[in-house]
């Protein structure tokens, strides 16, 4: 194999590696974007749950009575 053929073969191999690297990079980028979106959704869910907590605390602070205490017929 002469120098020109070797040079052409090396250039092709480098181009193929570069192409594969670009594909990998695009794949990782897409994966990162997907994970970022998932992270954003989870943050939103956390905020929604935090917003519900004070309301639930207010509901649980009210004394609850047993239904049987309220309905004398239920004890019979």
Protein backbone atom coordinates (compact mmCIF):
# COMPACT_ATOMS: atom_id res chain seq x y z
CA UNK A 1 0.00 0.00 0.00
CA UNK A 2 1.52 3.30 -1.00
CA UNK A 3 1.36 6.53 0.97
CA UNK A 4 -1.60 7.96 -0.96
CA UNK A 5 -3.71 4.84 -0.37
CA UNK A 6 -2.75 4.85 3.31
CA UNK A 7 -3.62 8.52 3.57
CA UNK A 8 -7.03 7.93 1.92
CA UNK A 9 -7.73 4.95 4.19
CA UNK A 10 -6.74 6.94 7.28
CA UNK A 11 -8.95 9.86 6.22
CA UNK A 12 -11.90 7.50 5.73
CA UNK A 13 -11.36 5.91 9.13
CA UNK A 14 -11.15 9.33 10.77
CA UNK A 15 -14.30 10.48 8.97
CA UNK A 16 -16.13 7.36 10.14
CA UNK A 17 -14.96 7.91 13.72
CA UNK A 18 -16.00 11.54 13.56
CA UNK A 19 -19.40 10.55 12.22
CA UNK A 20 -19.85 7.99 15.01
CA UNK A 21 -18.74 10.57 17.56
CA UNK A 22 -21.25 13.09 16.22
CA UNK A 23 -24.00 10.45 16.39
CA UNK A 24 -23.04 9.63 19.98
CA UNK A 25 -22.94 13.32 20.85
CA UNK A 26 -26.40 13.89 19.38
CA UNK A 27 -27.71 10.87 21.23
CA UNK A 28 -26.27 12.06 24.54
CA UNK A 29 -27.69 15.53 23.92
CA UNK A 30 -31.15 14.13 23.25
CA UNK A 31 -30.87 12.01 26.36
CA UNK A 32 -29.80 15.03 28.42
CA UNK A 33 -32.71 17.09 27.10
CA UNK A 34 -35.11 14.28 27.98
CA UNK A 35 -33.69 14.01 31.48
CA UNK A 36 -33.86 17.78 31.93
CA UNK A 37 -37.52 17.74 30.92
CA UNK A 38 -38.20 14.91 33.34
CA UNK A 39 -36.38 16.84 36.06
CA UNK A 40 -38.49 19.93 35.36
CA UNK A 41 -41.68 17.86 35.60
CA UNK A 42 -40.58 16.36 38.90
CA UNK A 43 -39.76 19.81 40.28
CA UNK A 44 -43.22 20.97 39.24
CA UNK A 45 -44.81 17.96 40.97
CA UNK A 46 -42.83 18.69 44.12
CA UNK A 47 -44.02 22.29 44.12
CA UNK A 48 -47.62 21.16 43.63
CA UNK A 49 -47.31 18.71 46.51
CA UNK A 50 -45.74 21.36 48.72
CA UNK A 51 -48.64 23.67 47.89
CA UNK A 52 -51.09 20.97 48.99
CA UNK A 53 -49.33 20.29 52.29
CA UNK A 54 -50.58 23.35 54.21
CA UNK A 55 -54.14 22.62 53.07
CA UNK A 56 -53.87 19.03 54.26
CA UNK A 57 -52.34 20.17 57.56
CA UNK A 58 -55.34 22.45 58.11
CA UNK A 59 -57.69 19.56 57.42
CA UNK A 60 -55.87 17.21 59.78
CA UNK A 61 -55.73 19.79 62.57
CA UNK A 62 -59.53 19.74 62.81
CA UNK A 63 -60.70 17.13 65.31
CA UNK A 64 -62.31 14.20 63.59
CA UNK A 65 -65.09 12.29 65.28
CA UNK A 66 -65.92 8.68 64.76
CA UNK A 67 -69.11 8.12 62.77
CA UNK A 68 -70.44 5.76 65.44
CA UNK A 69 -70.25 8.54 68.03
CA UNK A 70 -72.36 10.79 65.80
CA UNK A 71 -74.97 8.20 64.86
CA UNK A 72 -76.54 6.44 67.85
CA UNK A 73 -78.27 4.00 65.46
CA UNK A 74 -74.87 2.72 64.29
CA UNK A 75 -74.13 1.25 67.74
CA UNK A 76 -77.23 -0.98 67.73
